[in-house]
Amino acid sequence: MNLDNPIFKKSITEVIKARTSMRSYNGVPLDKTIGDSIIDVINQVKAPFGTNIRVKLINSKDSDLKLGTYGVIKGTSTFIVSSISKSDNALVDLGYSLERAILYATDLNLGTCWLGGTFNKGQFAEVMELKDNEILPIVIPVGYPSESRRGMDTFVRFMAGSKNRKAWSKLFFDVDFNTPLKEVESLEYFIPLQMVRLAPSATNKQPWRIIKSSNSYDFYLEQSKDSKSDSYNDMHKIDIGIAMCHFELTSAELGLEGHWEKLKLSSQDNKKYIISWVRK
């Protein structure tokens, strides 16, 4: 067992590197004990902004479920479904919390896939019994991977460019956005930042931008300038939460102490300030 991150058996860096988007499963039903343990992981997370996340593990009526533009999820009928009340950083907390469960599932050799969109109608919403002001923005299939991953899995990853990573100098900065952070100057936080680079994101946008300050790492969301609606940028807050999860879990494994705190920092141009990791 990984004593620094006790819910994981393997090193968190190994788990992060092993995680991949899976749409094809082998049809074996998920063991209830394992399913319950995944939900427990989410329920035990203390989200940085304190959002109350309602989460359920549900079995779909159909093991080959077509989900709008996401195509068919083959070979599993088990889904992690979660709802949150609308608030400024609720989606950040959702990404942060669900990614921990996804990494836990990966550590158990299970497959998962982030499906983001509007699921406020249909069987998922019915099971969650959505309340006023609640949204259901994410559905995550979970199951045992198919021995031979279907061609569609590979095609979807290729089209999304999932393996393509932005250059270090485009993501991480020193003091301000005019000065890229040199890898050698990231010192003990080199690995946590590398694990941020490996985080999944909607359409592989990789919207996180991080400034190294004197005593903190400040997380910003680079918003799309040509987006026609705020909801597009809001969904990328989930990506920031995922990146935060990678950063914190890796830091904990390396013995790097710190905490999340909203500092009095301003957004800059199209970069919206979200939160800071304050080092001890």
Protein backbone atom coordinates (compact mmCIF):
# COMPACT_ATOMS: atom_id res chain seq x y z
CA MET A 1 0.00 0.00 0.00
CA ASN A 2 1.10 3.55 -0.73
CA LEU A 3 1.36 4.99 2.80
CA ASP A 4 1.43 8.61 1.63
CA ASN A 5 -1.83 8.10 -0.29
CA PRO A 6 -3.33 5.16 1.66
CA ILE A 7 -6.24 4.48 -0.74
CA PHE A 8 -3.74 3.60 -3.48
CA LYS A 9 -1.73 0.40 -3.75
CA LYS A 10 0.67 1.74 -6.35
CA SER A 11 2.59 5.00 -6.64
CA ILE A 12 0.24 7.81 -7.64
CA THR A 13 2.54 8.73 -10.53
CA GLU A 14 2.18 5.17 -11.86
CA VAL A 15 -1.59 5.39 -11.51
CA ILE A 16 -1.79 8.76 -13.28
CA LYS A 17 0.34 7.48 -16.14
CA ALA A 18 -1.81 4.33 -16.43
CA ARG A 19 -5.17 6.16 -16.53
CA THR A 20 -6.75 6.34 -19.97
CA SER A 21 -10.20 6.93 -21.41
CA MET A 22 -12.09 3.65 -21.85
CA ARG A 23 -15.32 3.18 -23.81
CA SER A 24 -15.16 -0.60 -24.26
CA TYR A 25 -15.59 -3.06 -21.39
CA ASN A 26 -15.73 -6.85 -21.14
CA GLY A 27 -19.30 -7.19 -19.90
CA VAL A 28 -18.47 -8.61 -16.46
CA PRO A 29 -20.68 -6.90 -13.82
CA LEU A 30 -18.82 -4.71 -11.36
CA ASP A 31 -18.52 -6.26 -7.92
CA LYS A 32 -20.81 -4.40 -5.49
CA THR A 33 -18.12 -4.12 -2.81
CA ILE A 34 -15.77 -2.47 -5.28
CA GLY A 35 -18.51 -0.15 -6.51
CA ASP A 36 -19.34 0.89 -2.96
CA SER A 37 -15.66 1.57 -2.23
CA ILE A 38 -15.47 3.94 -5.23
CA ILE A 39 -18.43 5.93 -3.91
CA ASP A 40 -16.84 5.98 -0.44
CA VAL A 41 -13.71 7.58 -1.90
CA ILE A 42 -15.79 10.44 -3.31
CA ASN A 43 -17.81 10.88 -0.13
CA GLN A 44 -14.64 11.11 1.97
CA VAL A 45 -13.04 13.83 -0.15
CA LYS A 46 -12.90 17.30 1.40
CA ALA A 47 -13.38 19.49 -1.64
CA PRO A 48 -11.34 22.74 -1.62
CA PHE A 49 -14.40 24.98 -2.01
CA GLY A 50 -16.63 22.89 0.26
CA THR A 51 -19.18 21.91 -2.39
CA ASN A 52 -21.71 19.26 -1.40
CA ILE A 53 -21.54 16.57 -4.07
CA ARG A 54 -24.32 14.00 -4.27
CA VAL A 55 -23.10 10.84 -5.92
CA LYS A 56 -24.57 7.45 -6.78
CA LEU A 57 -23.39 4.32 -8.54
CA ILE A 58 -26.21 3.24 -10.83
CA ASN A 59 -26.84 0.39 -13.19
CA SER A 60 -28.21 1.43 -16.55
CA LYS A 61 -31.09 -0.41 -18.17
CA ASP A 62 -28.82 -1.14 -21.11
CA SER A 63 -25.22 -2.37 -21.13
CA ASP A 64 -24.71 -0.81 -24.59
CA LEU A 65 -25.85 2.72 -23.84
CA LYS A 66 -25.81 5.47 -26.44
CA LEU A 67 -25.07 8.83 -24.83
CA GLY A 68 -25.77 11.59 -27.31
CA THR A 69 -22.68 12.71 -29.22
CA TYR A 70 -20.41 10.46 -27.12
CA GLY A 71 -21.41 7.35 -29.01
CA VAL A 72 -21.90 3.93 -27.52
CA ILE A 73 -20.39 2.80 -24.24
CA LYS A 74 -19.95 -0.95 -24.73
CA GLY A 75 -19.85 -3.71 -22.15
CA THR A 76 -20.76 -1.98 -18.88
CA SER A 77 -24.02 -0.94 -17.29
CA THR A 78 -22.42 0.74 -14.27
CA PHE A 79 -22.06 4.51 -14.05
CA ILE A 80 -20.89 7.04 -11.47
CA VAL A 81 -23.50 9.81 -11.51
CA SER A 82 -23.13 13.00 -9.47
CA SER A 83 -25.02 16.24 -8.99
CA ILE A 84 -24.05 19.63 -7.58
CA SER A 85 -25.80 22.89 -6.81
CA LYS A 86 -24.88 25.74 -9.12
CA SER A 87 -22.16 27.94 -7.62
CA ASP A 88 -19.02 29.66 -8.84
CA ASN A 89 -16.52 26.88 -8.14
CA ALA A 90 -18.74 23.82 -7.73
CA LEU A 91 -17.43 22.37 -11.00
CA VAL A 92 -13.85 22.72 -9.74
CA ASP A 93 -14.75 20.66 -6.68
CA LEU A 94 -16.54 18.11 -8.85
CA GLY A 95 -13.50 17.54 -11.05
CA TYR A 96 -11.22 17.37 -8.01
CA SER A 97 -13.41 14.80 -6.24
CA LEU A 98 -14.31 12.57 -9.18
CA GLU A 99 -10.73 12.36 -10.45
CA ARG A 100 -9.66 10.90 -7.12
CA ALA A 101 -12.27 8.18 -7.57
CA ILE A 102 -11.19 7.61 -11.17
CA LEU A 103 -7.56 7.19 -10.09
CA TYR A 104 -8.69 4.83 -7.34
CA ALA A 105 -10.57 2.78 -9.94
CA THR A 106 -7.50 2.83 -12.20
CA ASP A 107 -5.42 1.49 -9.31
CA LEU A 108 -7.90 -1.42 -9.15
CA ASN A 109 -7.33 -2.07 -12.88
CA LEU A 110 -10.78 -0.77 -13.78
CA GLY A 111 -11.57 1.37 -16.79
CA THR A 112 -13.39 4.71 -16.75
CA CYS A 113 -14.23 7.56 -19.09
CA TRP A 114 -15.16 11.20 -18.46
CA LEU A 115 -18.43 12.08 -20.24
CA GLY A 116 -19.29 15.74 -19.85
CA GLY A 117 -22.44 17.45 -21.03
CA THR A 118 -26.02 18.05 -20.00
CA PHE A 119 -27.66 15.03 -18.39
CA ASN A 120 -30.44 16.93 -16.61
CA LYS A 121 -33.04 14.78 -18.34
CA GLY A 122 -33.39 11.04 -18.82
CA GLN A 123 -32.73 8.02 -16.64
CA PHE A 124 -29.65 9.44 -14.89
CA ALA A 125 -31.53 12.55 -13.77
CA GLU A 126 -34.47 10.42 -12.67
CA VAL A 127 -32.27 8.23 -10.49
CA MET A 128 -30.54 11.27 -8.95
CA GLU A 129 -33.89 13.03 -8.35
CA LEU A 130 -32.37 16.38 -9.23
CA LYS A 131 -33.33 19.22 -6.92
CA ASP A 132 -33.93 22.84 -7.80
CA ASN A 133 -30.70 24.60 -8.80
CA GLU A 134 -28.87 21.28 -9.22
CA ILE A 135 -27.09 20.15 -12.37
CA LEU A 136 -25.79 16.78 -13.54
CA PRO A 137 -22.80 17.69 -15.73
CA ILE A 138 -20.77 14.47 -15.65
CA VAL A 139 -21.42 10.76 -16.10
CA ILE A 140 -18.60 8.23 -15.71
CA PRO A 141 -18.89 4.63 -16.94
CA VAL A 142 -16.82 2.18 -14.93
CA GLY A 143 -16.03 -1.47 -15.51
CA TYR A 144 -13.50 -4.12 -16.42
CA PRO A 145 -11.62 -3.21 -19.62
CA SER A 146 -12.11 -5.25 -22.75
CA GLU A 147 -9.07 -7.41 -23.53
CA SER A 148 -8.97 -6.00 -27.04
CA ARG A 149 -9.90 -2.33 -27.02
CA ARG A 150 -12.19 -1.47 -29.89
CA GLY A 151 -10.98 0.61 -32.80
CA MET A 152 -13.43 3.35 -31.81
CA ASP A 153 -11.52 3.90 -28.54
CA THR A 154 -8.32 4.50 -30.47
CA PHE A 155 -10.09 6.69 -33.02
CA VAL A 156 -11.70 8.89 -30.35
CA ARG A 157 -8.36 9.36 -28.57
CA PHE A 158 -6.69 10.19 -31.88
CA MET A 159 -9.33 12.76 -32.81
CA ALA A 160 -9.13 14.36 -29.37
CA GLY A 161 -5.33 14.42 -29.46
CA SER A 162 -5.35 12.95 -25.96
CA LYS A 163 -1.66 12.06 -26.01
CA ASN A 164 -0.58 15.49 -27.22
CA ARG A 165 0.65 17.68 -24.37
CA LYS A 166 1.28 21.41 -24.43
CA ALA A 167 4.86 22.48 -23.85
CA TRP A 168 5.93 23.09 -20.25
CA SER A 169 6.64 26.74 -21.11
CA LYS A 170 3.02 27.25 -22.21
CA LEU A 171 1.56 26.00 -18.94
CA PHE A 172 3.82 27.03 -16.06
CA PHE A 173 5.17 30.47 -15.24
CA ASP A 174 7.52 32.21 -12.81
CA VAL A 175 6.06 35.19 -10.86
CA ASP A 176 3.98 36.39 -13.83
CA PHE A 177 2.67 35.24 -17.21
CA ASN A 178 5.52 36.97 -19.04
CA THR A 179 8.14 34.58 -17.69
CA PRO A 180 7.91 30.83 -18.39
CA LEU A 181 8.99 28.68 -15.47
CA LYS A 182 12.18 26.77 -16.22
CA GLU A 183 11.93 23.09 -15.36
CA VAL A 184 15.05 23.24 -13.21
CA GLU A 185 13.53 26.09 -11.17
CA SER A 186 10.45 24.07 -10.25
CA LEU A 187 12.71 22.11 -7.89
CA GLU A 188 10.78 19.65 -5.70
CA TYR A 189 7.52 20.44 -7.50
CA PHE A 190 8.77 19.24 -10.88
CA ILE A 191 6.96 15.89 -10.60
CA PRO A 192 3.63 17.33 -9.33
CA LEU A 193 3.65 19.76 -12.25
CA GLN A 194 4.45 16.96 -14.68
CA MET A 195 1.47 15.02 -13.33
CA VAL A 196 -0.68 18.10 -13.98
CA ARG A 197 0.46 17.96 -17.61
CA LEU A 198 -0.87 14.39 -17.83
CA ALA A 199 -4.33 15.33 -16.56
CA PRO A 200 -7.26 14.69 -18.91
CA SER A 201 -9.34 17.65 -20.09
CA ALA A 202 -12.35 18.29 -22.28
CA THR A 203 -11.28 18.22 -25.95
CA ASN A 204 -7.71 18.01 -24.60
CA LYS A 205 -7.82 21.78 -24.02
CA GLN A 206 -5.36 21.64 -21.08
CA PRO A 207 -6.70 24.99 -19.79
CA TRP A 208 -4.67 25.12 -16.57
CA ARG A 209 -2.04 27.83 -16.22
CA ILE A 210 0.08 27.90 -13.06
CA ILE A 211 2.28 30.67 -11.68
CA LYS A 212 5.02 29.86 -9.18
CA SER A 213 5.02 32.66 -6.60
CA SER A 214 7.22 33.12 -3.55
CA ASN A 215 5.20 30.77 -1.35
CA SER A 216 2.49 29.35 -3.57
CA TYR A 217 1.51 27.84 -6.87
CA ASP A 218 -1.39 29.86 -8.27
CA PHE A 219 -3.88 28.06 -10.52
CA TYR A 220 -5.62 29.93 -13.35
CA LEU A 221 -8.14 28.85 -15.96
CA GLU A 222 -7.32 30.02 -19.47
CA GLN A 223 -10.72 30.85 -20.92
CA SER A 224 -11.56 30.61 -24.58
CA LYS A 225 -11.82 34.05 -26.17
CA ASP A 226 -14.06 32.87 -28.98
CA SER A 227 -16.50 30.92 -26.85
CA LYS A 228 -20.12 31.89 -27.41
CA SER A 229 -21.30 31.03 -23.92
CA ASP A 230 -20.04 31.07 -20.36
CA SER A 231 -21.08 27.44 -19.97
CA TYR A 232 -18.23 26.36 -22.29
CA ASN A 233 -15.63 27.96 -20.03
CA ASP A 234 -17.46 26.80 -16.91
CA MET A 235 -17.13 23.15 -17.97
CA HIS A 236 -13.37 23.63 -18.14
CA LYS A 237 -13.44 24.35 -14.41
CA ILE A 238 -13.80 20.58 -14.08
CA ASP A 239 -10.41 20.29 -15.80
CA ILE A 240 -8.86 22.62 -13.22
CA GLY A 241 -10.22 20.41 -10.44
CA ILE A 242 -8.70 17.34 -12.11
CA ALA A 243 -5.32 19.10 -12.37
CA MET A 244 -5.54 20.11 -8.71
CA CYS A 245 -6.19 16.50 -7.72
CA HIS A 246 -3.08 15.32 -9.59
CA PHE A 247 -0.98 18.10 -8.08
CA GLU A 248 -2.09 17.47 -4.49
CA LEU A 249 -1.89 13.66 -4.55
CA THR A 250 1.59 13.74 -6.08
CA SER A 251 2.75 16.39 -3.61
CA ALA A 252 1.47 14.27 -0.72
CA GLU A 253 3.34 11.23 -2.00
CA LEU A 254 6.54 13.29 -2.13
CA GLY A 255 6.00 14.67 1.37
CA LEU A 256 5.42 18.23 0.12
CA GLU A 257 3.05 19.85 2.59
CA GLY A 258 0.60 22.57 1.69
CA HIS A 259 -3.07 23.49 1.45
CA TRP A 260 -5.56 25.05 -0.95
CA GLU A 261 -6.45 28.68 -0.34
CA LYS A 262 -8.19 31.41 -2.33
CA LEU A 263 -5.74 34.31 -2.19
CA LYS A 264 -6.42 37.94 -3.07
CA LEU A 265 -5.20 37.60 -6.63
CA SER A 266 -6.77 39.06 -9.75
CA SER A 267 -7.64 37.42 -13.02
CA GLN A 268 -5.46 38.52 -15.93
CA ASP A 269 -6.76 39.00 -19.46
CA ASN A 270 -8.45 35.70 -20.34
CA LYS A 271 -6.87 33.86 -17.41
CA LYS A 272 -9.29 33.49 -14.51
CA TYR A 273 -7.72 33.03 -11.08
CA ILE A 274 -9.13 29.97 -9.31
CA ILE A 275 -7.08 29.00 -6.24
CA SER A 276 -3.54 28.60 -4.86
CA TRP A 277 -1.53 25.77 -3.35
CA VAL A 278 0.17 27.45 -0.39
CA ARG A 279 3.36 25.70 0.65
CA LYS A 280 4.32 25.07 4.25
